[in-house]
PDB file of all heavy atoms in Angstrom:
ATOM      1  N   ASP A   1      -6.586  -1.740 -10.718  1.00  0.00           N
ATOM      2  CA  ASP A   1      -6.191  -2.077  -9.355  1.00  0.00           C
ATOM      3  C   ASP A   1      -4.712  -1.720  -9.174  1.00  0.00           C
ATOM      4  O   ASP A   1      -3.831  -2.406  -9.697  1.00  0.00           O
ATOM      5  CB  ASP A   1      -6.418  -3.557  -9.095  1.00  0.00           C
ATOM      6  CG  ASP A   1      -6.149  -3.939  -7.653  1.00  0.00           C
ATOM      7  OD1 ASP A   1      -5.598  -3.132  -6.893  1.00  0.00           O
ATOM      8  OD2 ASP A   1      -6.509  -5.082  -7.273  1.00  0.00           O
ATOM      9  N   THR A   2      -4.440  -0.646  -8.443  1.00  0.00           N
ATOM     10  CA  THR A   2      -3.038  -0.192  -8.331  1.00  0.00           C
ATOM     11  C   THR A   2      -2.234  -0.979  -7.304  1.00  0.00           C
ATOM     12  O   THR A   2      -1.067  -0.664  -7.062  1.00  0.00           O
ATOM     13  CB  THR A   2      -2.979   1.316  -8.009  1.00  0.00           C
ATOM     14  OG1 THR A   2      -3.686   1.591  -6.798  1.00  0.00           O
ATOM     15  CG2 THR A   2      -3.580   2.116  -9.138  1.00  0.00           C
ATOM     16  N   HIS A   3      -2.840  -2.011  -6.716  1.00  0.00           N
ATOM     17  CA  HIS A   3      -2.023  -2.945  -5.934  1.00  0.00           C
ATOM     18  C   HIS A   3      -0.987  -3.623  -6.844  1.00  0.00           C
ATOM     19  O   HIS A   3       0.033  -4.115  -6.371  1.00  0.00           O
ATOM     20  CB  HIS A   3      -2.901  -4.005  -5.273  1.00  0.00           C
ATOM     21  CG  HIS A   3      -3.656  -3.518  -4.074  1.00  0.00           C
ATOM     22  ND1 HIS A   3      -4.781  -2.749  -4.189  1.00  0.00           N
ATOM     23  CD2 HIS A   3      -3.432  -3.687  -2.740  1.00  0.00           C
ATOM     24  CE1 HIS A   3      -5.239  -2.452  -2.983  1.00  0.00           C
ATOM     25  NE2 HIS A   3      -4.451  -3.022  -2.074  1.00  0.00           N
ATOM     26  N   GLU A   4      -1.268  -3.603  -8.130  1.00  0.00           N
ATOM     27  CA  GLU A   4      -0.333  -4.188  -9.090  1.00  0.00           C
ATOM     28  C   GLU A   4       0.984  -3.407  -9.150  1.00  0.00           C
ATOM     29  O   GLU A   4       1.995  -3.922  -9.647  1.00  0.00           O
ATOM     30  CB  GLU A   4      -0.963  -4.230 -10.484  1.00  0.00           C
ATOM     31  CG  GLU A   4      -2.220  -5.097 -10.572  1.00  0.00           C
ATOM     32  CD  GLU A   4      -2.896  -4.998 -11.917  1.00  0.00           C
ATOM     33  OE1 GLU A   4      -2.408  -4.206 -12.760  1.00  0.00           O
ATOM     34  OE2 GLU A   4      -3.886  -5.707 -12.137  1.00  0.00           O
ATOM     35  N   HIS A   5       0.986  -2.166  -8.647  1.00  0.00           N
ATOM     36  CA  HIS A   5       2.177  -1.313  -8.731  1.00  0.00           C
ATOM     37  C   HIS A   5       2.967  -1.264  -7.430  1.00  0.00           C
ATOM     38  O   HIS A   5       3.883  -0.419  -7.300  1.00  0.00           O
ATOM     39  CB  HIS A   5       1.755   0.101  -9.135  1.00  0.00           C
ATOM     40  CG  HIS A   5       1.034   0.188 -10.440  1.00  0.00           C
ATOM     41  ND1 HIS A   5       1.467  -0.444 -11.578  1.00  0.00           N
ATOM     42  CD2 HIS A   5      -0.130   0.827 -10.769  1.00  0.00           C
ATOM     43  CE1 HIS A   5       0.623  -0.190 -12.574  1.00  0.00           C
ATOM     44  NE2 HIS A   5      -0.352   0.575 -12.107  1.00  0.00           N
ATOM     45  N   LEU A   6       2.637  -2.093  -6.470  1.00  0.00           N
ATOM     46  CA  LEU A   6       3.295  -1.985  -5.161  1.00  0.00           C
ATOM     47  C   LEU A   6       4.798  -2.233  -5.254  1.00  0.00           C
ATOM     48  O   LEU A   6       5.599  -1.505  -4.658  1.00  0.00           O
ATOM     49  CB  LEU A   6       2.643  -2.961  -4.184  1.00  0.00           C
ATOM     50  CG  LEU A   6       1.191  -2.641  -3.809  1.00  0.00           C
ATOM     51  CD1 LEU A   6       0.620  -3.741  -2.918  1.00  0.00           C
ATOM     52  CD2 LEU A   6       1.088  -1.295  -3.103  1.00  0.00           C
ATOM     53  N   GLU A   7       5.201  -3.243  -5.982  1.00  0.00           N
ATOM     54  CA  GLU A   7       6.629  -3.531  -6.130  1.00  0.00           C
ATOM     55  C   GLU A   7       7.331  -2.370  -6.811  1.00  0.00           C
ATOM     56  O   GLU A   7       8.446  -1.980  -6.420  1.00  0.00           O
ATOM     57  CB  GLU A   7       6.838  -4.823  -6.916  1.00  0.00           C
ATOM     58  CG  GLU A   7       6.335  -6.082  -6.214  1.00  0.00           C
ATOM     59  CD  GLU A   7       7.312  -6.552  -5.147  1.00  0.00           C
ATOM     60  OE1 GLU A   7       8.364  -5.904  -4.970  1.00  0.00           O
ATOM     61  OE2 GLU A   7       7.006  -7.576  -4.493  1.00  0.00           O
ATOM     62  N   GLU A   8       6.708  -1.810  -7.851  1.00  0.00           N
ATOM     63  CA  GLU A   8       7.300  -0.676  -8.544  1.00  0.00           C
ATOM     64  C   GLU A   8       7.408   0.525  -7.615  1.00  0.00           C
ATOM     65  O   GLU A   8       8.403   1.266  -7.662  1.00  0.00           O
ATOM     66  CB  GLU A   8       6.475  -0.307  -9.763  1.00  0.00           C
ATOM     67  CG  GLU A   8       7.058   0.841 -10.570  1.00  0.00           C
ATOM     68  CD  GLU A   8       6.223   1.245 -11.769  1.00  0.00           C
ATOM     69  OE1 GLU A   8       5.227   0.550 -12.061  1.00  0.00           O
ATOM     70  OE2 GLU A   8       6.565   2.264 -12.394  1.00  0.00           O
ATOM     71  N   ALA A   9       6.407   0.737  -6.767  1.00  0.00           N
ATOM     72  CA  ALA A   9       6.455   1.857  -5.827  1.00  0.00           C
ATOM     73  C   ALA A   9       7.653   1.734  -4.916  1.00  0.00           C
ATOM     74  O   ALA A   9       8.351   2.726  -4.633  1.00  0.00           O
ATOM     75  CB  ALA A   9       5.160   1.916  -5.019  1.00  0.00           C
ATOM     76  N   VAL A  10       7.924   0.532  -4.433  1.00  0.00           N
ATOM     77  CA  VAL A  10       9.086   0.326  -3.567  1.00  0.00           C
ATOM     78  C   VAL A  10      10.370   0.587  -4.336  1.00  0.00           C
ATOM     79  O   VAL A  10      11.303   1.207  -3.815  1.00  0.00           O
ATOM     80  CB  VAL A  10       9.066  -1.112  -3.001  1.00  0.00           C
ATOM     81  CG1 VAL A  10      10.351  -1.404  -2.242  1.00  0.00           C
ATOM     82  CG2 VAL A  10       7.859  -1.289  -2.080  1.00  0.00           C
ATOM     83  N   ARG A  11      10.433   0.127  -5.596  1.00  0.00           N
ATOM     84  CA  ARG A  11      11.637   0.379  -6.405  1.00  0.00           C
ATOM     85  C   ARG A  11      11.854   1.868  -6.614  1.00  0.00           C
ATOM     86  O   ARG A  11      12.992   2.333  -6.697  1.00  0.00           O
ATOM     87  CB  ARG A  11      11.523  -0.326  -7.748  1.00  0.00           C
ATOM     88  CG  ARG A  11      11.654  -1.841  -7.686  1.00  0.00           C
ATOM     89  CD  ARG A  11      11.909  -2.423  -9.071  1.00  0.00           C
ATOM     90  NE  ARG A  11      10.795  -2.174  -9.991  1.00  0.00           N
ATOM     91  CZ  ARG A  11       9.756  -2.971 -10.149  1.00  0.00           C
ATOM     92  NH1 ARG A  11       9.648  -4.075  -9.409  1.00  0.00           N
ATOM     93  NH2 ARG A  11       8.810  -2.674 -11.013  1.00  0.00           N
ATOM     94  N   ARG A  12      10.765   2.643  -6.682  1.00  0.00           N
ATOM     95  CA  ARG A  12      10.896   4.085  -6.885  1.00  0.00           C
ATOM     96  C   ARG A  12      11.246   4.828  -5.599  1.00  0.00           C
ATOM     97  O   ARG A  12      11.457   6.032  -5.639  1.00  0.00           O
ATOM     98  CB  ARG A  12       9.580   4.644  -7.451  1.00  0.00           C
ATOM     99  CG  ARG A  12       9.319   4.283  -8.908  1.00  0.00           C
ATOM    100  CD  ARG A  12       7.920   4.718  -9.323  1.00  0.00           C
ATOM    101  NE  ARG A  12       7.666   4.508 -10.741  1.00  0.00           N
ATOM    102  CZ  ARG A  12       7.646   5.478 -11.670  1.00  0.00           C
ATOM    103  NH1 ARG A  12       7.877   6.726 -11.315  1.00  0.00           N
ATOM    104  NH2 ARG A  12       7.404   5.193 -12.921  1.00  0.00           N
ATOM    105  N   GLY A  13      11.230   4.119  -4.478  1.00  0.00           N
ATOM    106  CA  GLY A  13      11.653   4.741  -3.231  1.00  0.00           C
ATOM    107  C   GLY A  13      10.569   4.935  -2.204  1.00  0.00           C
ATOM    108  O   GLY A  13      10.803   5.619  -1.190  1.00  0.00           O
ATOM    109  N   ALA A  14       9.396   4.364  -2.410  1.00  0.00           N
ATOM    110  CA  ALA A  14       8.319   4.510  -1.435  1.00  0.00           C
ATOM    111  C   ALA A  14       8.801   4.049  -0.059  1.00  0.00           C
ATOM    112  O   ALA A  14       9.380   2.985   0.094  1.00  0.00           O
ATOM    113  CB  ALA A  14       7.099   3.706  -1.860  1.00  0.00           C
ATOM    114  N   ALA A  15       8.537   4.889   0.948  1.00  0.00           N
ATOM    115  CA  ALA A  15       8.959   4.565   2.311  1.00  0.00           C
ATOM    116  C   ALA A  15       7.978   3.633   2.996  1.00  0.00           C
ATOM    117  O   ALA A  15       8.342   2.905   3.923  1.00  0.00           O
ATOM    118  CB  ALA A  15       9.090   5.846   3.129  1.00  0.00           C
ATOM    119  N   ALA A  16       6.717   3.636   2.532  1.00  0.00           N
ATOM    120  CA  ALA A  16       5.676   2.807   3.136  1.00  0.00           C
ATOM    121  C   ALA A  16       4.522   2.688   2.154  1.00  0.00           C
ATOM    122  O   ALA A  16       4.452   3.455   1.175  1.00  0.00           O
ATOM    123  CB  ALA A  16       5.202   3.373   4.463  1.00  0.00           C
ATOM    124  N   LEU A  17       3.630   1.743   2.429  1.00  0.00           N
ATOM    125  CA  LEU A  17       2.488   1.506   1.557  1.00  0.00           C
ATOM    126  C   LEU A  17       1.205   1.533   2.370  1.00  0.00           C
ATOM    127  O   LEU A  17       1.177   1.113   3.535  1.00  0.00           O
ATOM    128  CB  LEU A  17       2.623   0.141   0.879  1.00  0.00           C
ATOM    129  CG  LEU A  17       3.917  -0.107   0.103  1.00  0.00           C
ATOM    130  CD1 LEU A  17       4.009  -1.586  -0.308  1.00  0.00           C
ATOM    131  CD2 LEU A  17       4.011   0.796  -1.122  1.00  0.00           C
ATOM    132  N   LEU A  18       0.135   2.023   1.742  1.00  0.00           N
ATOM    133  CA  LEU A  18      -1.205   1.979   2.318  1.00  0.00           C
ATOM    134  C   LEU A  18      -2.036   1.106   1.405  1.00  0.00           C
ATOM    135  O   LEU A  18      -2.239   1.460   0.226  1.00  0.00           O
ATOM    136  CB  LEU A  18      -1.794   3.378   2.434  1.00  0.00           C
ATOM    137  CG  LEU A  18      -3.246   3.490   2.910  1.00  0.00           C
ATOM    138  CD1 LEU A  18      -3.416   2.916   4.298  1.00  0.00           C
ATOM    139  CD2 LEU A  18      -3.707   4.945   2.868  1.00  0.00           C
ATOM    140  N   VAL A  19      -2.508  -0.035   1.884  1.00  0.00           N
ATOM    141  CA  VAL A  19      -3.175  -1.006   1.022  1.00  0.00           C
ATOM    142  C   VAL A  19      -4.442  -1.530   1.699  1.00  0.00           C
ATOM    143  O   VAL A  19      -4.623  -1.401   2.909  1.00  0.00           O
ATOM    144  CB  VAL A  19      -2.231  -2.194   0.717  1.00  0.00           C
ATOM    145  CG1 VAL A  19      -0.899  -1.716   0.161  1.00  0.00           C
ATOM    146  CG2 VAL A  19      -1.997  -3.064   1.949  1.00  0.00           C
ATOM    147  N   SER A  20      -5.289  -2.135   0.874  1.00  0.00           N
ATOM    148  CA  SER A  20      -6.443  -2.857   1.415  1.00  0.00           C
ATOM    149  C   SER A  20      -6.243  -4.358   1.314  1.00  0.00           C
ATOM    150  O   SER A  20      -6.912  -5.132   1.993  1.00  0.00           O
ATOM    151  CB  SER A  20      -7.715  -2.445   0.659  1.00  0.00           C
ATOM    152  OG  SER A  20      -7.597  -2.726  -0.726  1.00  0.00           O
ATOM    153  N   ASP A  21      -5.306  -4.793   0.459  1.00  0.00           N
ATOM    154  CA  ASP A  21      -5.015  -6.218   0.266  1.00  0.00           C
ATOM    155  C   ASP A  21      -3.579  -6.489   0.692  1.00  0.00           C
ATOM    156  O   ASP A  21      -2.655  -6.418  -0.091  1.00  0.00           O
ATOM    157  CB  ASP A  21      -5.217  -6.584  -1.200  1.00  0.00           C
ATOM    158  CG  ASP A  21      -5.132  -8.081  -1.449  1.00  0.00           C
ATOM    159  OD1 ASP A  21      -4.769  -8.818  -0.496  1.00  0.00           O
ATOM    160  OD2 ASP A  21      -5.412  -8.514  -2.576  1.00  0.00           O
ATOM    161  N   ALA A  22      -3.396  -6.779   1.972  1.00  0.00           N
ATOM    162  CA  ALA A  22      -2.041  -6.939   2.516  1.00  0.00           C
ATOM    163  C   ALA A  22      -1.299  -8.121   1.926  1.00  0.00           C
ATOM    164  O   ALA A  22      -0.073  -8.117   1.853  1.00  0.00           O
ATOM    165  CB  ALA A  22      -2.123  -7.093   4.039  1.00  0.00           C
ATOM    166  N   ALA A  23      -2.029  -9.120   1.450  1.00  0.00           N
ATOM    167  CA  ALA A  23      -1.373 -10.311   0.903  1.00  0.00           C
ATOM    168  C   ALA A  23      -0.557  -9.999  -0.345  1.00  0.00           C
ATOM    169  O   ALA A  23       0.358 -10.753  -0.684  1.00  0.00           O
ATOM    170  CB  ALA A  23      -2.426 -11.378   0.604  1.00  0.00           C
ATOM    171  N   ARG A  24      -0.869  -8.916  -1.008  1.00  0.00           N
ATOM    172  CA  ARG A  24      -0.161  -8.557  -2.248  1.00  0.00           C
ATOM    173  C   ARG A  24       0.973  -7.575  -2.025  1.00  0.00           C
ATOM    174  O   ARG A  24       1.648  -7.183  -2.975  1.00  0.00           O
ATOM    175  CB  ARG A  24      -1.174  -7.993  -3.256  1.00  0.00           C
ATOM    176  CG  ARG A  24      -2.263  -8.990  -3.607  1.00  0.00           C
ATOM    177  CD  ARG A  24      -3.412  -8.330  -4.318  1.00  0.00           C
ATOM    178  NE  ARG A  24      -3.013  -7.765  -5.605  1.00  0.00           N
ATOM    179  CZ  ARG A  24      -3.824  -7.050  -6.372  1.00  0.00           C
ATOM    180  NH1 ARG A  24      -5.060  -6.796  -5.953  1.00  0.00           N
ATOM    181  NH2 ARG A  24      -3.416  -6.581  -7.522  1.00  0.00           N
ATOM    182  N   ALA A  25       1.170  -7.139  -0.800  1.00  0.00           N
ATOM    183  CA  ALA A  25       2.166  -6.115  -0.512  1.00  0.00           C
ATOM    184  C   ALA A  25       3.555  -6.740  -0.282  1.00  0.00           C
ATOM    185  O   ALA A  25       3.665  -7.772   0.392  1.00  0.00           O
ATOM    186  CB  ALA A  25       1.764  -5.307   0.691  1.00  0.00           C
ATOM    187  N   PRO A  26       4.607  -6.117  -0.786  1.00  0.00           N
ATOM    188  CA  PRO A  26       5.967  -6.581  -0.470  1.00  0.00           C
ATOM    189  C   PRO A  26       6.259  -6.363   1.009  1.00  0.00           C
ATOM    190  O   PRO A  26       5.630  -5.532   1.673  1.00  0.00           O
ATOM    191  CB  PRO A  26       6.848  -5.714  -1.356  1.00  0.00           C
ATOM    192  CG  PRO A  26       6.034  -4.505  -1.650  1.00  0.00           C
ATOM    193  CD  PRO A  26       4.613  -4.942  -1.675  1.00  0.00           C
ATOM    194  N   THR A  27       7.234  -7.086   1.509  1.00  0.00           N
ATOM    195  CA  THR A  27       7.552  -7.039   2.943  1.00  0.00           C
ATOM    196  C   THR A  27       8.789  -6.212   3.235  1.00  0.00           C
ATOM    197  O   THR A  27       9.271  -6.203   4.366  1.00  0.00           O
ATOM    198  CB  THR A  27       7.750  -8.465   3.476  1.00  0.00           C
ATOM    199  OG1 THR A  27       8.812  -9.097   2.753  1.00  0.00           O
ATOM    200  CG2 THR A  27       6.470  -9.276   3.341  1.00  0.00           C
ATOM    201  N   THR A  28       9.288  -5.499   2.241  1.00  0.00           N
ATOM    202  CA  THR A  28      10.545  -4.745   2.420  1.00  0.00           C
ATOM    203  C   THR A  28      10.336  -3.374   3.031  1.00  0.00           C
ATOM    204  O   THR A  28      11.299  -2.715   3.408  1.00  0.00           O
ATOM    205  CB  THR A  28      11.259  -4.612   1.065  1.00  0.00           C
ATOM    206  OG1 THR A  28      10.325  -4.117   0.088  1.00  0.00           O
ATOM    207  CG2 THR A  28      11.783  -5.961   0.605  1.00  0.00           C
ATOM    208  N   VAL A  29       9.082  -2.894   3.095  1.00  0.00           N
ATOM    209  CA  VAL A  29       8.767  -1.613   3.716  1.00  0.00           C
ATOM    210  C   VAL A  29       7.543  -1.797   4.596  1.00  0.00           C
ATOM    211  O   VAL A  29       6.774  -2.755   4.406  1.00  0.00           O
ATOM    212  CB  VAL A  29       8.506  -0.497   2.669  1.00  0.00           C
ATOM    213  CG1 VAL A  29       9.732  -0.251   1.808  1.00  0.00           C
ATOM    214  CG2 VAL A  29       7.290  -0.861   1.803  1.00  0.00           C
ATOM    215  N   PRO A  30       7.315  -0.913   5.557  1.00  0.00           N
ATOM    216  CA  PRO A  30       6.107  -1.022   6.370  1.00  0.00           C
ATOM    217  C   PRO A  30       4.835  -0.876   5.522  1.00  0.00           C
ATOM    218  O   PRO A  30       4.797  -0.134   4.548  1.00  0.00           O
ATOM    219  CB  PRO A  30       6.232   0.158   7.352  1.00  0.00           C
ATOM    220  CG  PRO A  30       7.692   0.471   7.385  1.00  0.00           C
ATOM    221  CD  PRO A  30       8.195   0.185   6.002  1.00  0.00           C
ATOM    222  N   VAL A  31       3.817  -1.620   5.902  1.00  0.00           N
ATOM    223  CA  VAL A  31       2.568  -1.640   5.154  1.00  0.00           C
ATOM    224  C   VAL A  31       1.399  -1.330   6.106  1.00  0.00           C
ATOM    225  O   VAL A  31       1.134  -2.087   7.042  1.00  0.00           O
ATOM    226  CB  VAL A  31       2.334  -3.015   4.492  1.00  0.00           C
ATOM    227  CG1 VAL A  31       1.000  -3.025   3.754  1.00  0.00           C
ATOM    228  CG2 VAL A  31       3.479  -3.345   3.540  1.00  0.00           C
ATOM    229  N   ALA A  32       0.708  -0.221   5.861  1.00  0.00           N
ATOM    230  CA  ALA A  32      -0.485   0.113   6.613  1.00  0.00           C
ATOM    231  C   ALA A  32      -1.680  -0.502   5.892  1.00  0.00           C
ATOM    232  O   ALA A  32      -1.833  -0.343   4.675  1.00  0.00           O
ATOM    233  CB  ALA A  32      -0.662   1.627   6.704  1.00  0.00           C
ATOM    234  N   VAL A  33      -2.491  -1.226   6.638  1.00  0.00           N
ATOM    235  CA  VAL A  33      -3.611  -1.957   6.037  1.00  0.00           C
ATOM    236  C   VAL A  33      -4.929  -1.315   6.438  1.00  0.00           C
ATOM    237  O   VAL A  33      -5.206  -1.124   7.627  1.00  0.00           O
ATOM    238  CB  VAL A  33      -3.591  -3.428   6.487  1.00  0.00           C
ATOM    239  CG1 VAL A  33      -4.716  -4.200   5.793  1.00  0.00           C
ATOM    240  CG2 VAL A  33      -2.241  -4.073   6.175  1.00  0.00           C
ATOM    241  N   ALA A  34      -5.721  -0.960   5.432  1.00  0.00           N
ATOM    242  CA  ALA A  34      -7.047  -0.371   5.666  1.00  0.00           C
ATOM    243  C   ALA A  34      -8.016  -1.022   4.698  1.00  0.00           C
ATOM    244  O   ALA A  34      -7.956  -0.766   3.496  1.00  0.00           O
ATOM    245  CB  ALA A  34      -7.010   1.136   5.474  1.00  0.00           C
ATOM    246  N   ARG A  35      -8.905  -1.837   5.202  1.00  0.00           N
ATOM    247  CA  ARG A  35      -9.833  -2.535   4.315  1.00  0.00           C
ATOM    248  C   ARG A  35     -10.824  -1.565   3.668  1.00  0.00           C
ATOM    249  O   ARG A  35     -11.250  -1.792   2.528  1.00  0.00           O
ATOM    250  CB  ARG A  35     -10.579  -3.611   5.100  1.00  0.00           C
ATOM    251  CG  ARG A  35      -9.688  -4.798   5.479  1.00  0.00           C
ATOM    252  CD  ARG A  35     -10.468  -5.884   6.193  1.00  0.00           C
ATOM    253  NE  ARG A  35     -10.907  -5.470   7.521  1.00  0.00           N
ATOM    254  CZ  ARG A  35     -10.169  -5.592   8.615  1.00  0.00           C
ATOM    255  NH1 ARG A  35      -8.967  -6.130   8.550  1.00  0.00           N
ATOM    256  NH2 ARG A  35     -10.626  -5.204   9.786  1.00  0.00           N
ATOM    257  N   ALA A  36     -11.167  -0.508   4.357  1.00  0.00           N
ATOM    258  CA  ALA A  36     -12.060   0.508   3.785  1.00  0.00           C
ATOM    259  C   ALA A  36     -11.206   1.584   3.131  1.00  0.00           C
ATOM    260  O   ALA A  36     -10.753   2.531   3.781  1.00  0.00           O
ATOM    261  CB  ALA A  36     -12.950   1.102   4.870  1.00  0.00           C
ATOM    262  N   GLU A  37     -10.965   1.443   1.840  1.00  0.00           N
ATOM    263  CA  GLU A  37      -9.990   2.291   1.146  1.00  0.00           C
ATOM    264  C   GLU A  37     -10.356   3.767   1.162  1.00  0.00           C
ATOM    265  O   GLU A  37      -9.532   4.618   1.536  1.00  0.00           O
ATOM    266  CB  GLU A  37      -9.844   1.852  -0.307  1.00  0.00           C
ATOM    267  CG  GLU A  37      -9.178   0.520  -0.502  1.00  0.00           C
ATOM    268  CD  GLU A  37      -9.048   0.175  -1.968  1.00  0.00           C
ATOM    269  OE1 GLU A  37      -9.632   0.899  -2.807  1.00  0.00           O
ATOM    270  OE2 GLU A  37      -8.352  -0.807  -2.296  1.00  0.00           O
ATOM    271  N   ASP A  38     -11.548   4.098   0.714  1.00  0.00           N
ATOM    272  CA  ASP A  38     -11.901   5.506   0.539  1.00  0.00           C
ATOM    273  C   ASP A  38     -11.922   6.288   1.861  1.00  0.00           C
ATOM    274  O   ASP A  38     -11.336   7.370   1.951  1.00  0.00           O
ATOM    275  CB  ASP A  38     -13.233   5.648  -0.182  1.00  0.00           C
ATOM    276  CG  ASP A  38     -13.136   5.281  -1.658  1.00  0.00           C
ATOM    277  OD1 ASP A  38     -12.009   5.248  -2.172  1.00  0.00           O
ATOM    278  OD2 ASP A  38     -14.174   5.028  -2.270  1.00  0.00           O
ATOM    279  N   PRO A  39     -12.580   5.767   2.901  1.00  0.00           N
ATOM    280  CA  PRO A  39     -12.527   6.498   4.185  1.00  0.00           C
ATOM    281  C   PRO A  39     -11.103   6.673   4.700  1.00  0.00           C
ATOM    282  O   PRO A  39     -10.749   7.731   5.205  1.00  0.00           O
ATOM    283  CB  PRO A  39     -13.375   5.637   5.122  1.00  0.00           C
ATOM    284  CG  PRO A  39     -14.293   4.877   4.221  1.00  0.00           C
ATOM    285  CD  PRO A  39     -13.488   4.592   2.984  1.00  0.00           C
ATOM    286  N   ALA A  40     -10.289   5.624   4.576  1.00  0.00           N
ATOM    287  CA  ALA A  40      -8.921   5.692   5.082  1.00  0.00           C
ATOM    288  C   ALA A  40      -8.117   6.741   4.314  1.00  0.00           C
ATOM    289  O   ALA A  40      -7.367   7.524   4.913  1.00  0.00           O
ATOM    290  CB  ALA A  40      -8.237   4.330   4.979  1.00  0.00           C
ATOM    291  N   LEU A  41      -8.275   6.772   2.988  1.00  0.00           N
ATOM    292  CA  LEU A  41      -7.527   7.753   2.191  1.00  0.00           C
ATOM    293  C   LEU A  41      -7.934   9.176   2.590  1.00  0.00           C
ATOM    294  O   LEU A  41      -7.064  10.056   2.730  1.00  0.00           O
ATOM    295  CB  LEU A  41      -7.796   7.543   0.713  1.00  0.00           C
ATOM    296  CG  LEU A  41      -7.099   8.533  -0.230  1.00  0.00           C
ATOM    297  CD1 LEU A  41      -5.579   8.417  -0.115  1.00  0.00           C
ATOM    298  CD2 LEU A  41      -7.542   8.321  -1.676  1.00  0.00           C
ATOM    299  N   GLY A  42      -9.230   9.397   2.794  1.00  0.00           N
ATOM    300  CA  GLY A  42      -9.676  10.728   3.203  1.00  0.00           C
ATOM    301  C   GLY A  42      -9.122  11.139   4.550  1.00  0.00           C
ATOM    302  O   GLY A  42      -8.635  12.258   4.735  1.00  0.00           O
ATOM    303  N   LEU A  43      -9.154  10.229   5.523  1.00  0.00           N
ATOM    304  CA  LEU A  43      -8.687  10.546   6.871  1.00  0.00           C
ATOM    305  C   LEU A  43      -7.170  10.748   6.916  1.00  0.00           C
ATOM    306  O   LEU A  43      -6.668  11.660   7.582  1.00  0.00           O
ATOM    307  CB  LEU A  43      -9.103   9.446   7.831  1.00  0.00           C
ATOM    308  CG  LEU A  43     -10.610   9.318   8.074  1.00  0.00           C
ATOM    309  CD1 LEU A  43     -10.935   8.034   8.829  1.00  0.00           C
ATOM    310  CD2 LEU A  43     -11.136  10.528   8.838  1.00  0.00           C
ATOM    311  N   VAL A  44      -6.431   9.881   6.198  1.00  0.00           N
ATOM    312  CA  VAL A  44      -4.982  10.024   6.178  1.00  0.00           C
ATOM    313  C   VAL A  44      -4.578  11.319   5.456  1.00  0.00           C
ATOM    314  O   VAL A  44      -3.676  12.035   5.903  1.00  0.00           O
ATOM    315  CB  VAL A  44      -4.336   8.800   5.489  1.00  0.00           C
ATOM    316  CG1 VAL A  44      -2.847   9.039   5.222  1.00  0.00           C
ATOM    317  CG2 VAL A  44      -4.496   7.557   6.361  1.00  0.00           C
TER     318      VAL A  44
END
């Protein structure tokens, strides 16, 4: 589960996050929430 790496992604300079579990996302960058991960990744 790569939601475990969200904080590290921000430390590395991520400008934004695309997640399915918003409760685990840091609040220091914008967070796009898509509960259906695979369809959202394909469309984005």
